[in-house]
Amino acid sequence: MDDASFDTRKAAILKALADAAPDRSVKGLVDALCLPVIEFLTGTEDFVTTSSCSGRVALWQDGAGGDAEEAGEADAGADRKKSKGGGWLYVSHDLPNEQGLKTVLATPDDET
């Protein structure tokens, strides 16, 4: 890739990272724990990253599934992506909150 193409691509990536619109990830946004790494990489002349993941705990429910929120986590209330085949019950990049997990697991299917 020539320098001009890279610079154009990097500018588009930086614009997307700065945009408040959800990205295509399950979480819908960049992991807060990865921001220092992303800022370091994108702050250099020759590097850029399109994504980074700090680790994930995720519970998926097949079937009807629901609009899951991160139970007891810092970004609880964030919309979760759903599909016809189910929905995310719990998605977190932080250490699991035991009570939050118990609550999610104890919730009947029709309430998720």
PDB file of N, CA and C in Angstrom:
ATOM      1  N   MET A   1       0.859  -1.171   0.000  1.00  0.00           N
ATOM      2  CA  MET A   1       0.000   0.000   0.000  1.00  0.00           C
ATOM      3  C   MET A   1       0.906   1.235   0.000  1.00  0.00           C
ATOM      4  N   ASP A   2       0.630   2.170  -0.883  1.00  0.00           N
ATOM      5  CA  ASP A   2       1.462   3.376  -0.913  1.00  0.00           C
ATOM      6  C   ASP A   2       1.076   4.309   0.232  1.00  0.00           C
ATOM      7  N   ASP A   3       1.937   5.292   0.492  1.00  0.00           N
ATOM      8  CA  ASP A   3       1.737   6.198   1.628  1.00  0.00           C
ATOM      9  C   ASP A   3       0.415   6.955   1.546  1.00  0.00           C
ATOM     10  N   ALA A   4       0.036   7.403   0.364  1.00  0.00           N
ATOM     11  CA  ALA A   4      -1.201   8.168   0.207  1.00  0.00           C
ATOM     12  C   ALA A   4      -2.416   7.294   0.515  1.00  0.00           C
ATOM     13  N   SER A   5      -2.407   6.041   0.040  1.00  0.00           N
ATOM     14  CA  SER A   5      -3.519   5.123   0.309  1.00  0.00           C
ATOM     15  C   SER A   5      -3.610   4.823   1.800  1.00  0.00           C
ATOM     16  N   PHE A   6      -2.448   4.584   2.432  1.00  0.00           N
ATOM     17  CA  PHE A   6      -2.436   4.316   3.872  1.00  0.00           C
ATOM     18  C   PHE A   6      -2.973   5.518   4.643  1.00  0.00           C
ATOM     19  N   ASP A   7      -2.511   6.697   4.298  1.00  0.00           N
ATOM     20  CA  ASP A   7      -2.960   7.908   4.994  1.00  0.00           C
ATOM     21  C   ASP A   7      -4.460   8.109   4.850  1.00  0.00           C
ATOM     22  N   THR A   8      -4.996   7.839   3.663  1.00  0.00           N
ATOM     23  CA  THR A   8      -6.440   7.956   3.427  1.00  0.00           C
ATOM     24  C   THR A   8      -7.202   6.934   4.263  1.00  0.00           C
ATOM     25  N   ARG A   9      -6.705   5.696   4.244  1.00  0.00           N
ATOM     26  CA  ARG A   9      -7.347   4.622   5.026  1.00  0.00           C
ATOM     27  C   ARG A   9      -7.278   4.925   6.522  1.00  0.00           C
ATOM     28  N   LYS A  10      -6.112   5.383   6.989  1.00  0.00           N
ATOM     29  CA  LYS A  10      -5.956   5.707   8.404  1.00  0.00           C
ATOM     30  C   LYS A  10      -6.899   6.835   8.806  1.00  0.00           C
ATOM     31  N   ALA A  11      -7.027   7.862   7.972  1.00  0.00           N
ATOM     32  CA  ALA A  11      -7.942   8.966   8.269  1.00  0.00           C
ATOM     33  C   ALA A  11      -9.379   8.472   8.401  1.00  0.00           C
ATOM     34  N   ALA A  12      -9.785   7.550   7.540  1.00  0.00           N
ATOM     35  CA  ALA A  12     -11.143   6.986   7.609  1.00  0.00           C
ATOM     36  C   ALA A  12     -11.327   6.180   8.895  1.00  0.00           C
ATOM     37  N   ILE A  13     -10.318   5.412   9.279  1.00  0.00           N
ATOM     38  CA  ILE A  13     -10.395   4.623  10.514  1.00  0.00           C
ATOM     39  C   ILE A  13     -10.479   5.536  11.730  1.00  0.00           C
ATOM     40  N   LEU A  14      -9.659   6.563  11.776  1.00  0.00           N
ATOM     41  CA  LEU A  14      -9.684   7.501  12.900  1.00  0.00           C
ATOM     42  C   LEU A  14     -11.027   8.223  12.992  1.00  0.00           C
ATOM     43  N   LYS A  15     -11.597   8.557  11.838  1.00  0.00           N
ATOM     44  CA  LYS A  15     -12.913   9.200  11.825  1.00  0.00           C
ATOM     45  C   LYS A  15     -13.970   8.249  12.398  1.00  0.00           C
ATOM     46  N   ALA A  16     -13.913   6.978  12.005  1.00  0.00           N
ATOM     47  CA  ALA A  16     -14.871   5.991  12.512  1.00  0.00           C
ATOM     48  C   ALA A  16     -14.692   5.778  14.015  1.00  0.00           C
ATOM     49  N   LEU A  17     -13.452   5.755  14.484  1.00  0.00           N
ATOM     50  CA  LEU A  17     -13.206   5.584  15.923  1.00  0.00           C
ATOM     51  C   LEU A  17     -13.750   6.761  16.725  1.00  0.00           C
ATOM     52  N   ALA A  18     -13.695   7.948  16.151  1.00  0.00           N
ATOM     53  CA  ALA A  18     -14.170   9.147  16.842  1.00  0.00           C
ATOM     54  C   ALA A  18     -15.689   9.291  16.777  1.00  0.00           C
ATOM     55  N   ASP A  19     -16.322   8.580  15.849  1.00  0.00           N
ATOM     56  CA  ASP A  19     -17.769   8.662  15.655  1.00  0.00           C
ATOM     57  C   ASP A  19     -18.493   8.000  16.825  1.00  0.00           C
ATOM     58  N   ALA A  20     -19.588   8.581  17.261  1.00  0.00           N
ATOM     59  CA  ALA A  20     -20.364   8.036  18.375  1.00  0.00           C
ATOM     60  C   ALA A  20     -21.250   6.869  17.947  1.00  0.00           C
ATOM     61  N   ALA A  21     -21.376   6.623  16.654  1.00  0.00           N
ATOM     62  CA  ALA A  21     -22.233   5.536  16.165  1.00  0.00           C
ATOM     63  C   ALA A  21     -21.638   4.190  16.565  1.00  0.00           C
ATOM     64  N   PRO A  22     -22.484   3.210  16.862  1.00  0.00           N
ATOM     65  CA  PRO A  22     -21.985   1.876  17.221  1.00  0.00           C
ATOM     66  C   PRO A  22     -21.182   1.253  16.085  1.00  0.00           C
ATOM     67  N   ASP A  23     -20.161   0.483  16.451  1.00  0.00           N
ATOM     68  CA  ASP A  23     -19.421  -0.242  15.436  1.00  0.00           C
ATOM     69  C   ASP A  23     -20.042  -1.630  15.254  1.00  0.00           C
ATOM     70  N   ARG A  24     -19.411  -2.495  14.464  1.00  0.00           N
ATOM     71  CA  ARG A  24     -20.000  -3.800  14.154  1.00  0.00           C
ATOM     72  C   ARG A  24     -19.717  -4.866  15.211  1.00  0.00           C
ATOM     73  N   SER A  25     -19.011  -4.528  16.259  1.00  0.00           N
ATOM     74  CA  SER A  25     -18.719  -5.511  17.303  1.00  0.00           C
ATOM     75  C   SER A  25     -19.966  -5.797  18.130  1.00  0.00           C
ATOM     76  N   VAL A  26     -19.920  -6.879  18.887  1.00  0.00           N
ATOM     77  CA  VAL A  26     -21.046  -7.239  19.762  1.00  0.00           C
ATOM     78  C   VAL A  26     -21.314  -6.112  20.755  1.00  0.00           C
ATOM     79  N   LYS A  27     -20.261  -5.589  21.314  1.00  0.00           N
ATOM     80  CA  LYS A  27     -20.401  -4.528  22.313  1.00  0.00           C
ATOM     81  C   LYS A  27     -20.874  -3.231  21.659  1.00  0.00           C
ATOM     82  N   GLY A  28     -20.471  -3.007  20.424  1.00  0.00           N
ATOM     83  CA  GLY A  28     -20.893  -1.817  19.700  1.00  0.00           C
ATOM     84  C   GLY A  28     -19.970  -0.625  19.861  1.00  0.00           C
ATOM     85  N   LEU A  29     -18.893  -0.796  20.602  1.00  0.00           N
ATOM     86  CA  LEU A  29     -17.940   0.289  20.781  1.00  0.00           C
ATOM     87  C   LEU A  29     -16.588  -0.269  21.195  1.00  0.00           C
ATOM     88  N   VAL A  30     -15.587   0.575  21.128  1.00  0.00           N
ATOM     89  CA  VAL A  30     -14.230   0.177  21.482  1.00  0.00           C
ATOM     90  C   VAL A  30     -14.157  -0.103  22.982  1.00  0.00           C
ATOM     91  N   ASP A  31     -13.434  -1.145  23.362  1.00  0.00           N
ATOM     92  CA  ASP A  31     -13.241  -1.465  24.772  1.00  0.00           C
ATOM     93  C   ASP A  31     -12.470  -0.345  25.453  1.00  0.00           C
ATOM     94  N   ALA A  32     -13.008   0.180  26.544  1.00  0.00           N
ATOM     95  CA  ALA A  32     -12.347   1.266  27.272  1.00  0.00           C
ATOM     96  C   ALA A  32     -10.943   0.868  27.721  1.00  0.00           C
ATOM     97  N   LEU A  33     -10.765  -0.397  28.091  1.00  0.00           N
ATOM     98  CA  LEU A  33      -9.449  -0.852  28.545  1.00  0.00           C
ATOM     99  C   LEU A  33      -8.410  -0.828  27.428  1.00  0.00           C
ATOM    100  N   CYS A  34      -8.872  -0.830  26.171  1.00  0.00           N
ATOM    101  CA  CYS A  34      -7.947  -0.818  25.029  1.00  0.00           C
ATOM    102  C   CYS A  34      -7.628   0.577  24.521  1.00  0.00           C
ATOM    103  N   LEU A  35      -8.324   1.578  25.020  1.00  0.00           N
ATOM    104  CA  LEU A  35      -8.107   2.932  24.507  1.00  0.00           C
ATOM    105  C   LEU A  35      -6.649   3.386  24.573  1.00  0.00           C
ATOM    106  N   PRO A  36      -5.919   3.125  25.661  1.00  0.00           N
ATOM    107  CA  PRO A  36      -4.507   3.547  25.662  1.00  0.00           C
ATOM    108  C   PRO A  36      -3.689   2.892  24.541  1.00  0.00           C
ATOM    109  N   VAL A  37      -3.937   1.628  24.249  1.00  0.00           N
ATOM    110  CA  VAL A  37      -3.218   0.937  23.181  1.00  0.00           C
ATOM    111  C   VAL A  37      -3.613   1.524  21.825  1.00  0.00           C
ATOM    112  N   ILE A  38      -4.905   1.731  21.628  1.00  0.00           N
ATOM    113  CA  ILE A  38      -5.389   2.297  20.365  1.00  0.00           C
ATOM    114  C   ILE A  38      -4.820   3.700  20.159  1.00  0.00           C
ATOM    115  N   GLU A  39      -4.847   4.514  21.212  1.00  0.00           N
ATOM    116  CA  GLU A  39      -4.318   5.877  21.100  1.00  0.00           C
ATOM    117  C   GLU A  39      -2.822   5.861  20.796  1.00  0.00           C
ATOM    118  N   PHE A  40      -2.085   4.937  21.420  1.00  0.00           N
ATOM    119  CA  PHE A  40      -0.654   4.830  21.153  1.00  0.00           C
ATOM    120  C   PHE A  40      -0.402   4.464  19.692  1.00  0.00           C
ATOM    121  N   LEU A  41      -1.083   3.417  19.225  1.00  0.00           N
ATOM    122  CA  LEU A  41      -0.873   2.964  17.849  1.00  0.00           C
ATOM    123  C   LEU A  41      -1.290   4.008  16.818  1.00  0.00           C
ATOM    124  N   THR A  42      -2.467   4.577  17.012  1.00  0.00           N
ATOM    125  CA  THR A  42      -2.953   5.543  16.026  1.00  0.00           C
ATOM    126  C   THR A  42      -2.204   6.873  16.112  1.00  0.00           C
ATOM    127  N   GLY A  43      -1.497   7.103  17.226  1.00  0.00           N
ATOM    128  CA  GLY A  43      -0.701   8.315  17.374  1.00  0.00           C
ATOM    129  C   GLY A  43       0.641   8.251  16.666  1.00  0.00           C
ATOM    130  N   THR A  44       0.984   7.083  16.157  1.00  0.00           N
ATOM    131  CA  THR A  44       2.227   6.936  15.403  1.00  0.00           C
ATOM    132  C   THR A  44       1.943   7.183  13.926  1.00  0.00           C
ATOM    133  N   GLU A  45       2.990   7.497  13.198  1.00  0.00           N
ATOM    134  CA  GLU A  45       2.819   7.811  11.780  1.00  0.00           C
ATOM    135  C   GLU A  45       2.517   6.577  10.929  1.00  0.00           C
ATOM    136  N   ASP A  46       3.094   5.443  11.289  1.00  0.00           N
ATOM    137  CA  ASP A  46       3.051   4.271  10.411  1.00  0.00           C
ATOM    138  C   ASP A  46       2.091   3.163  10.827  1.00  0.00           C
ATOM    139  N   PHE A  47       1.305   3.381  11.894  1.00  0.00           N
ATOM    140  CA  PHE A  47       0.429   2.321  12.375  1.00  0.00           C
ATOM    141  C   PHE A  47      -0.977   2.832  12.607  1.00  0.00           C
ATOM    142  N   VAL A  48      -1.916   1.909  12.502  1.00  0.00           N
ATOM    143  CA  VAL A  48      -3.311   2.167  12.833  1.00  0.00           C
ATOM    144  C   VAL A  48      -3.943   0.816  13.173  1.00  0.00           C
ATOM    145  N   THR A  49      -4.973   0.820  14.006  1.00  0.00           N
ATOM    146  CA  THR A  49      -5.692  -0.415  14.317  1.00  0.00           C
ATOM    147  C   THR A  49      -7.174  -0.180  14.108  1.00  0.00           C
ATOM    148  N   THR A  50      -7.850  -1.213  13.645  1.00  0.00           N
ATOM    149  CA  THR A  50      -9.297  -1.109  13.451  1.00  0.00           C
ATOM    150  C   THR A  50     -10.060  -1.675  14.632  1.00  0.00           C
ATOM    151  N   SER A  51      -9.384  -2.479  15.451  1.00  0.00           N
ATOM    152  CA  SER A  51     -10.081  -3.027  16.608  1.00  0.00           C
ATOM    153  C   SER A  51      -9.087  -3.612  17.597  1.00  0.00           C
ATOM    154  N   SER A  52      -9.544  -3.721  18.822  1.00  0.00           N
ATOM    155  CA  SER A  52      -8.779  -4.353  19.886  1.00  0.00           C
ATOM    156  C   SER A  52      -9.781  -4.878  20.905  1.00  0.00           C
ATOM    157  N   CYS A  53      -9.446  -5.967  21.548  1.00  0.00           N
ATOM    158  CA  CYS A  53     -10.343  -6.558  22.541  1.00  0.00           C
ATOM    159  C   CYS A  53      -9.552  -6.854  23.802  1.00  0.00           C
ATOM    160  N   SER A  54     -10.086  -6.422  24.926  1.00  0.00           N
ATOM    161  CA  SER A  54      -9.404  -6.624  26.192  1.00  0.00           C
ATOM    162  C   SER A  54      -9.778  -7.945  26.847  1.00  0.00           C
ATOM    163  N   GLY A  55     -10.574  -8.730  26.204  1.00  0.00           N
ATOM    164  CA  GLY A  55     -11.058  -9.982  26.778  1.00  0.00           C
ATOM    165  C   GLY A  55     -12.555  -9.874  26.989  1.00  0.00           C
ATOM    166  N   ARG A  56     -13.242 -10.973  26.991  1.00  0.00           N
ATOM    167  CA  ARG A  56     -14.698 -10.903  27.036  1.00  0.00           C
ATOM    168  C   ARG A  56     -15.290 -12.100  27.762  1.00  0.00           C
ATOM    169  N   VAL A  57     -16.320 -11.830  28.532  1.00  0.00           N
ATOM    170  CA  VAL A  57     -17.183 -12.860  29.087  1.00  0.00           C
ATOM    171  C   VAL A  57     -18.536 -12.624  28.420  1.00  0.00           C
ATOM    172  N   ALA A  58     -19.063 -13.653  27.775  1.00  0.00           N
ATOM    173  CA  ALA A  58     -20.326 -13.475  27.069  1.00  0.00           C
ATOM    174  C   ALA A  58     -21.225 -14.685  27.263  1.00  0.00           C
ATOM    175  N   LEU A  59     -22.502 -14.412  27.497  1.00  0.00           N
ATOM    176  CA  LEU A  59     -23.514 -15.473  27.583  1.00  0.00           C
ATOM    177  C   LEU A  59     -24.540 -15.213  26.492  1.00  0.00           C
ATOM    178  N   TRP A  60     -24.781 -16.218  25.673  1.00  0.00           N
ATOM    179  CA  TRP A  60     -25.703 -16.135  24.539  1.00  0.00           C
ATOM    180  C   TRP A  60     -26.880 -17.060  24.804  1.00  0.00           C
ATOM    181  N   GLN A  61     -28.095 -16.612  24.518  1.00  0.00           N
ATOM    182  CA  GLN A  61     -29.282 -17.456  24.645  1.00  0.00           C
ATOM    183  C   GLN A  61     -29.842 -17.718  23.271  1.00  0.00           C
ATOM    184  N   ASP A  62     -29.920 -19.010  22.895  1.00  0.00           N
ATOM    185  CA  ASP A  62     -30.549 -19.374  21.630  1.00  0.00           C
ATOM    186  C   ASP A  62     -32.040 -19.120  21.717  1.00  0.00           C
ATOM    187  N   GLY A  63     -32.661 -18.964  20.572  1.00  0.00           N
ATOM    188  CA  GLY A  63     -34.101 -18.789  20.536  1.00  0.00           C
ATOM    189  C   GLY A  63     -34.490 -17.342  20.601  1.00  0.00           C
ATOM    190  N   ALA A  64     -35.600 -17.075  21.306  1.00  0.00           N
ATOM    191  CA  ALA A  64     -36.156 -15.724  21.361  1.00  0.00           C
ATOM    192  C   ALA A  64     -35.142 -14.716  21.851  1.00  0.00           C
ATOM    193  N   GLY A  65     -34.444 -15.058  22.902  1.00  0.00           N
ATOM    194  CA  GLY A  65     -33.407 -14.175  23.421  1.00  0.00           C
ATOM    195  C   GLY A  65     -33.931 -12.781  23.684  1.00  0.00           C
ATOM    196  N   GLY A  66     -33.155 -12.002  24.325  1.00  0.00           N
ATOM    197  CA  GLY A  66     -33.638 -10.687  24.654  1.00  0.00           C
ATOM    198  C   GLY A  66     -32.628  -9.629  24.371  1.00  0.00           C
ATOM    199  N   ASP A  67     -33.018  -8.434  24.699  1.00  0.00           N
ATOM    200  CA  ASP A  67     -32.126  -7.297  24.583  1.00  0.00           C
ATOM    201  C   ASP A  67     -31.333  -7.254  25.878  1.00  0.00           C
ATOM    202  N   ALA A  68     -30.165  -7.835  25.863  1.00  0.00           N
ATOM    203  CA  ALA A  68     -29.399  -7.990  27.094  1.00  0.00           C
ATOM    204  C   ALA A  68     -28.648  -6.727  27.442  1.00  0.00           C
ATOM    205  N   GLU A  69     -28.505  -6.512  28.721  1.00  0.00           N
ATOM    206  CA  GLU A  69     -27.683  -5.436  29.227  1.00  0.00           C
ATOM    207  C   GLU A  69     -26.587  -6.072  30.050  1.00  0.00           C
ATOM    208  N   GLU A  70     -25.499  -5.393  30.214  1.00  0.00           N
ATOM    209  CA  GLU A  70     -24.429  -5.922  31.034  1.00  0.00           C
ATOM    210  C   GLU A  70     -24.893  -5.845  32.475  1.00  0.00           C
ATOM    211  N   ALA A  71     -25.132  -7.002  33.055  1.00  0.00           N
ATOM    212  CA  ALA A  71     -25.665  -7.063  34.405  1.00  0.00           C
ATOM    213  C   ALA A  71     -24.628  -6.595  35.411  1.00  0.00           C
ATOM    214  N   GLY A  72     -24.899  -5.449  36.010  1.00  0.00           N
ATOM    215  CA  GLY A  72     -24.040  -4.955  37.059  1.00  0.00           C
ATOM    216  C   GLY A  72     -22.696  -4.436  36.608  1.00  0.00           C
ATOM    217  N   GLU A  73     -22.488  -4.189  35.335  1.00  0.00           N
ATOM    218  CA  GLU A  73     -21.193  -3.729  34.856  1.00  0.00           C
ATOM    219  C   GLU A  73     -21.229  -2.235  34.589  1.00  0.00           C
ATOM    220  N   ALA A  74     -20.065  -1.658  34.379  1.00  0.00           N
ATOM    221  CA  ALA A  74     -19.912  -0.210  34.242  1.00  0.00           C
ATOM    222  C   ALA A  74     -20.726   0.368  33.099  1.00  0.00           C
ATOM    223  N   ASP A  75     -20.855  -0.369  31.997  1.00  0.00           N
ATOM    224  CA  ASP A  75     -21.603   0.189  30.885  1.00  0.00           C
ATOM    225  C   ASP A  75     -22.954  -0.486  30.725  1.00  0.00           C
ATOM    226  N   ALA A  76     -23.544  -0.867  31.853  1.00  0.00           N
ATOM    227  CA  ALA A  76     -24.885  -1.447  31.825  1.00  0.00           C
ATOM    228  C   ALA A  76     -25.838  -0.464  31.184  1.00  0.00           C
ATOM    229  N   GLY A  77     -26.792  -0.987  30.463  1.00  0.00           N
ATOM    230  CA  GLY A  77     -27.757  -0.147  29.794  1.00  0.00           C
ATOM    231  C   GLY A  77     -27.433   0.056  28.334  1.00  0.00           C
ATOM    232  N   ALA A  78     -26.236  -0.323  27.928  1.00  0.00           N
ATOM    233  CA  ALA A  78     -25.883  -0.201  26.517  1.00  0.00           C
ATOM    234  C   ALA A  78     -26.696  -1.215  25.734  1.00  0.00           C
ATOM    235  N   ASP A  79     -27.184  -0.808  24.578  1.00  0.00           N
ATOM    236  CA  ASP A  79     -27.968  -1.726  23.755  1.00  0.00           C
ATOM    237  C   ASP A  79     -27.106  -2.881  23.279  1.00  0.00           C
ATOM    238  N   ARG A  80     -27.670  -4.058  23.251  1.00  0.00           N
ATOM    239  CA  ARG A  80     -26.981  -5.257  22.786  1.00  0.00           C
ATOM    240  C   ARG A  80     -27.555  -5.641  21.444  1.00  0.00           C
ATOM    241  N   LYS A  81     -26.727  -6.215  20.628  1.00  0.00           N
ATOM    242  CA  LYS A  81     -27.173  -6.671  19.318  1.00  0.00           C
ATOM    243  C   LYS A  81     -27.896  -7.996  19.467  1.00  0.00           C
ATOM    244  N   LYS A  82     -28.979  -8.158  18.697  1.00  0.00           N
ATOM    245  CA  LYS A  82     -29.761  -9.385  18.707  1.00  0.00           C
ATOM    246  C   LYS A  82     -29.788  -9.960  17.300  1.00  0.00           C
ATOM    247  N   SER A  83     -30.112 -11.241  17.217  1.00  0.00           N
ATOM    248  CA  SER A  83     -30.322 -11.857  15.919  1.00  0.00           C
ATOM    249  C   SER A  83     -31.548 -12.734  16.030  1.00  0.00           C
ATOM    250  N   LYS A  84     -32.018 -13.242  14.897  1.00  0.00           N
ATOM    251  CA  LYS A  84     -33.193 -14.111  14.903  1.00  0.00           C
ATOM    252  C   LYS A  84     -32.984 -15.331  15.780  1.00  0.00           C
ATOM    253  N   GLY A  85     -31.738 -15.802  15.869  1.00  0.00           N
ATOM    254  CA  GLY A  85     -31.459 -17.028  16.587  1.00  0.00           C
ATOM    255  C   GLY A  85     -31.253 -16.880  18.071  1.00  0.00           C
ATOM    256  N   GLY A  86     -31.300 -15.667  18.592  1.00  0.00           N
ATOM    257  CA  GLY A  86     -31.101 -15.507  20.018  1.00  0.00           C
ATOM    258  C   GLY A  86     -30.656 -14.108  20.385  1.00  0.00           C
ATOM    259  N   GLY A  87     -30.100 -14.000  21.564  1.00  0.00           N
ATOM    260  CA  GLY A  87     -29.658 -12.686  22.024  1.00  0.00           C
ATOM    261  C   GLY A  87     -28.601 -12.813  23.094  1.00  0.00           C
ATOM    262  N   TRP A  88     -27.824 -11.766  23.259  1.00  0.00           N
ATOM    263  CA  TRP A  88     -26.787 -11.728  24.282  1.00  0.00           C
ATOM    264  C   TRP A  88     -27.433 -11.473  25.637  1.00  0.00           C
ATOM    265  N   LEU A  89     -27.195 -12.334  26.590  1.00  0.00           N
ATOM    266  CA  LEU A  89     -27.697 -12.145  27.937  1.00  0.00           C
ATOM    267  C   LEU A  89     -26.736 -11.307  28.761  1.00  0.00           C
ATOM    268  N   TYR A  90     -25.453 -11.475  28.486  1.00  0.00           N
ATOM    269  CA  TYR A  90     -24.424 -10.805  29.288  1.00  0.00           C
ATOM    270  C   TYR A  90     -23.177 -10.669  28.432  1.00  0.00           C
ATOM    271  N   VAL A  91     -22.645  -9.483  28.364  1.00  0.00           N
ATOM    272  CA  VAL A  91     -21.392  -9.251  27.650  1.00  0.00           C
ATOM    273  C   VAL A  91     -20.594  -8.263  28.487  1.00  0.00           C
ATOM    274  N   SER A  92     -19.375  -8.638  28.847  1.00  0.00           N
ATOM    275  CA  SER A  92     -18.559  -7.745  29.653  1.00  0.00           C
ATOM    276  C   SER A  92     -17.091  -7.924  29.321  1.00  0.00           C
ATOM    277  N   HIS A  93     -16.368  -6.824  29.397  1.00  0.00           N
ATOM    278  CA  HIS A  93     -14.920  -6.851  29.244  1.00  0.00           C
ATOM    279  C   HIS A  93     -14.241  -6.618  30.580  1.00  0.00           C
ATOM    280  N   ASP A  94     -15.028  -6.542  31.623  1.00  0.00           N
ATOM    281  CA  ASP A  94     -14.523  -6.386  32.977  1.00  0.00           C
ATOM    282  C   ASP A  94     -14.596  -7.733  33.692  1.00  0.00           C
ATOM    283  N   LEU A  95     -14.025  -7.788  34.890  1.00  0.00           N
ATOM    284  CA  LEU A  95     -14.179  -9.000  35.679  1.00  0.00           C
ATOM    285  C   LEU A  95     -15.669  -9.230  35.904  1.00  0.00           C
ATOM    286  N   PRO A  96     -16.135 -10.475  35.786  1.00  0.00           N
ATOM    287  CA  PRO A  96     -17.561 -10.739  35.974  1.00  0.00           C
ATOM    288  C   PRO A  96     -18.037 -10.324  37.358  1.00  0.00           C
ATOM    289  N   ASN A  97     -19.216  -9.776  37.397  1.00  0.00           N
ATOM    290  CA  ASN A  97     -19.888  -9.423  38.633  1.00  0.00           C
ATOM    291  C   ASN A  97     -20.739 -10.628  39.009  1.00  0.00           C
ATOM    292  N   GLU A  98     -20.375 -11.311  40.088  1.00  0.00           N
ATOM    293  CA  GLU A  98     -21.045 -12.568  40.449  1.00  0.00           C
ATOM    294  C   GLU A  98     -22.552 -12.389  40.608  1.00  0.00           C
ATOM    295  N   GLN A  99     -22.979 -11.345  41.306  1.00  0.00           N
ATOM    296  CA  GLN A  99     -24.414 -11.143  41.500  1.00  0.00           C
ATOM    297  C   GLN A  99     -25.108 -10.845  40.176  1.00  0.00           C
ATOM    298  N   GLY A 100     -24.465 -10.082  39.311  1.00  0.00           N
ATOM    299  CA  GLY A 100     -25.048  -9.787  38.006  1.00  0.00           C
ATOM    300  C   GLY A 100     -25.230 -11.041  37.169  1.00  0.00           C
ATOM    301  N   LEU A 101     -24.219 -11.922  37.190  1.00  0.00           N
ATOM    302  CA  LEU A 101     -24.328 -13.191  36.460  1.00  0.00           C
ATOM    303  C   LEU A 101     -25.444 -14.053  37.034  1.00  0.00           C
ATOM    304  N   LYS A 102     -25.544 -14.125  38.347  1.00  0.00           N
ATOM    305  CA  LYS A 102     -26.606 -14.921  38.983  1.00  0.00           C
ATOM    306  C   LYS A 102     -27.974 -14.385  38.591  1.00  0.00           C
ATOM    307  N   THR A 103     -28.113 -13.070  38.546  1.00  0.00           N
ATOM    308  CA  THR A 103     -29.390 -12.457  38.169  1.00  0.00           C
ATOM    309  C   THR A 103     -29.756 -12.816  36.736  1.00  0.00           C
ATOM    310  N   VAL A 104     -28.797 -12.697  35.825  1.00  0.00           N
ATOM    311  CA  VAL A 104     -29.037 -13.018  34.417  1.00  0.00           C
ATOM    312  C   VAL A 104     -29.410 -14.486  34.266  1.00  0.00           C
ATOM    313  N   LEU A 105     -28.702 -15.364  34.946  1.00  0.00           N
ATOM    314  CA  LEU A 105     -28.951 -16.802  34.823  1.00  0.00           C
ATOM    315  C   LEU A 105     -30.272 -17.217  35.468  1.00  0.00           C
ATOM    316  N   ALA A 106     -30.739 -16.472  36.454  1.00  0.00           N
ATOM    317  CA  ALA A 106     -31.976 -16.808  37.142  1.00  0.00           C
ATOM    318  C   ALA A 106     -33.212 -16.215  36.469  1.00  0.00           C
ATOM    319  N   THR A 107     -33.024 -15.309  35.496  1.00  0.00           N
ATOM    320  CA  THR A 107     -34.139 -14.659  34.826  1.00  0.00           C
ATOM    321  C   THR A 107     -34.800 -15.632  33.858  1.00  0.00           C
ATOM    322  N   PRO A 108     -36.122 -15.838  33.989  1.00  0.00           N
ATOM    323  CA  PRO A 108     -36.819 -16.732  33.048  1.00  0.00           C
ATOM    324  C   PRO A 108     -36.657 -16.254  31.617  1.00  0.00           C
ATOM    325  N   ASP A 109     -36.674 -17.207  30.678  1.00  0.00           N
ATOM    326  CA  ASP A 109     -36.484 -16.900  29.259  1.00  0.00           C
ATOM    327  C   ASP A 109     -37.385 -15.813  28.742  1.00  0.00           C
ATOM    328  N   ASP A 110     -38.641 -15.773  29.193  1.00  0.00           N
ATOM    329  CA  ASP A 110     -39.583 -14.794  28.646  1.00  0.00           C
ATOM    330  C   ASP A 110     -39.354 -13.394  29.198  1.00  0.00           C
ATOM    331  N   GLU A 111     -38.446 -13.231  30.154  1.00  0.00           N
ATOM    332  CA  GLU A 111     -38.162 -11.905  30.698  1.00  0.00           C
ATOM    333  C   GLU A 111     -36.867 -11.331  30.172  1.00  0.00           C
ATOM    334  N   THR A 112     -36.111 -12.086  29.338  1.00  0.00           N
ATOM    335  CA  THR A 112     -34.832 -11.581  28.835  1.00  0.00           C
ATOM    336  C   THR A 112     -35.002 -10.765  27.592  1.00  0.00           C
TER     337      THR A 112
END
